[in-house]
Amino acid sequence: MTEPEKTVAQQTEDRLESLAETVREKFNKVTKGTYRDRVVEGRFAEQGDKGGDKGPAKIERQQD
């Protein structure tokens, strides 16, 4: 890459990083951080373990 191309690429990368940070801040403001906090704390990953579908119930039958 030539020097002007490198400069343009760096400027584009910097702008995208700035945009990503702005979007993160606005998203956290709208959701008050709750969604991100749940993901970070792993609540969604554990959700299936706390109740959900436990499969078919075992039924013991008496033989007559």
C-alpha atoms as a PDB file:
ATOM      1  CA  MET A   1       0.000   0.000   0.000  1.00  0.00           C
ATOM      2  CA  THR A   2       1.160   3.489  -0.665  1.00  0.00           C
ATOM      3  CA  GLU A   3       1.415   6.077   2.063  1.00  0.00           C
ATOM      4  CA  PRO A   4      -1.851   7.901   1.151  1.00  0.00           C
ATOM      5  CA  GLU A   5      -3.701   4.555   1.139  1.00  0.00           C
ATOM      6  CA  LYS A   6      -2.330   3.730   4.590  1.00  0.00           C
ATOM      7  CA  THR A   7      -3.420   7.131   5.871  1.00  0.00           C
ATOM      8  CA  VAL A   8      -6.945   6.702   4.510  1.00  0.00           C
ATOM      9  CA  ALA A   9      -7.150   3.175   5.941  1.00  0.00           C
ATOM     10  CA  GLN A  10      -6.024   4.401   9.387  1.00  0.00           C
ATOM     11  CA  GLN A  11      -8.514   7.273   9.343  1.00  0.00           C
ATOM     12  CA  THR A  12     -11.306   4.876   8.372  1.00  0.00           C
ATOM     13  CA  GLU A  13     -10.352   2.477  11.152  1.00  0.00           C
ATOM     14  CA  ASP A  14     -10.294   5.315  13.690  1.00  0.00           C
ATOM     15  CA  ARG A  15     -13.728   6.508  12.576  1.00  0.00           C
ATOM     16  CA  LEU A  16     -15.174   3.001  12.799  1.00  0.00           C
ATOM     17  CA  GLU A  17     -13.768   2.536  16.312  1.00  0.00           C
ATOM     18  CA  SER A  18     -15.272   5.856  17.342  1.00  0.00           C
ATOM     19  CA  LEU A  19     -18.616   4.895  15.813  1.00  0.00           C
ATOM     20  CA  ALA A  20     -18.599   1.523  17.571  1.00  0.00           C
ATOM     21  CA  GLU A  21     -17.926   3.188  20.933  1.00  0.00           C
ATOM     22  CA  THR A  22     -20.730   5.700  20.343  1.00  0.00           C
ATOM     23  CA  VAL A  23     -23.162   2.913  19.465  1.00  0.00           C
ATOM     24  CA  ARG A  24     -22.148   0.936  22.589  1.00  0.00           C
ATOM     25  CA  GLU A  25     -22.685   3.980  24.802  1.00  0.00           C
ATOM     26  CA  LYS A  26     -26.088   4.759  23.301  1.00  0.00           C
ATOM     27  CA  PHE A  27     -27.189   1.116  23.503  1.00  0.00           C
ATOM     28  CA  ASN A  28     -26.184   0.937  27.163  1.00  0.00           C
ATOM     29  CA  LYS A  29     -28.010   4.199  27.825  1.00  0.00           C
ATOM     30  CA  VAL A  30     -31.205   2.912  26.196  1.00  0.00           C
ATOM     31  CA  THR A  31     -31.078  -0.491  27.904  1.00  0.00           C
ATOM     32  CA  LYS A  32     -29.526   0.969  31.051  1.00  0.00           C
ATOM     33  CA  GLY A  33     -26.791  -1.625  30.671  1.00  0.00           C
ATOM     34  CA  THR A  34     -29.052  -4.501  31.657  1.00  0.00           C
ATOM     35  CA  TYR A  35     -28.648  -6.568  28.478  1.00  0.00           C
ATOM     36  CA  ARG A  36     -24.877  -6.242  28.459  1.00  0.00           C
ATOM     37  CA  ASP A  37     -24.676  -6.974  32.171  1.00  0.00           C
ATOM     38  CA  ARG A  38     -26.722 -10.158  31.738  1.00  0.00           C
ATOM     39  CA  VAL A  39     -24.504 -11.354  28.910  1.00  0.00           C
ATOM     40  CA  VAL A  40     -21.320 -10.592  30.818  1.00  0.00           C
ATOM     41  CA  GLU A  41     -22.614 -12.288  33.975  1.00  0.00           C
ATOM     42  CA  GLY A  42     -23.646 -15.327  31.959  1.00  0.00           C
ATOM     43  CA  ARG A  43     -27.316 -15.217  32.883  1.00  0.00           C
ATOM     44  CA  PHE A  44     -28.448 -16.236  29.415  1.00  0.00           C
ATOM     45  CA  ALA A  45     -26.136 -19.223  29.371  1.00  0.00           C
ATOM     46  CA  GLU A  46     -27.478 -20.464  32.696  1.00  0.00           C
ATOM     47  CA  GLN A  47     -31.117 -19.826  31.890  1.00  0.00           C
ATOM     48  CA  GLY A  48     -31.683 -23.336  30.497  1.00  0.00           C
ATOM     49  CA  ASP A  49     -30.258 -24.876  33.657  1.00  0.00           C
ATOM     50  CA  LYS A  50     -32.682 -23.098  35.982  1.00  0.00           C
ATOM     51  CA  GLY A  51     -35.972 -24.638  34.997  1.00  0.00           C
ATOM     52  CA  GLY A  52     -36.878 -24.773  31.357  1.00  0.00           C
ATOM     53  CA  ASP A  53     -37.681 -28.075  29.690  1.00  0.00           C
ATOM     54  CA  LYS A  54     -36.357 -30.912  31.792  1.00  0.00           C
ATOM     55  CA  GLY A  55     -37.389 -33.664  29.420  1.00  0.00           C
ATOM     56  CA  PRO A  56     -39.986 -36.370  29.991  1.00  0.00           C
ATOM     57  CA  ALA A  57     -40.884 -37.179  33.562  1.00  0.00           C
ATOM     58  CA  LYS A  58     -40.046 -40.663  34.774  1.00  0.00           C
ATOM     59  CA  ILE A  59     -43.102 -42.635  35.761  1.00  0.00           C
ATOM     60  CA  GLU A  60     -42.760 -45.729  37.876  1.00  0.00           C
ATOM     61  CA  ARG A  61     -45.407 -48.346  37.179  1.00  0.00           C
ATOM     62  CA  GLN A  62     -46.463 -51.121  39.450  1.00  0.00           C
ATOM     63  CA  GLN A  63     -46.839 -54.544  37.996  1.00  0.00           C
ATOM     64  CA  ASP A  64     -50.090 -56.302  38.785  1.00  0.00           C
END
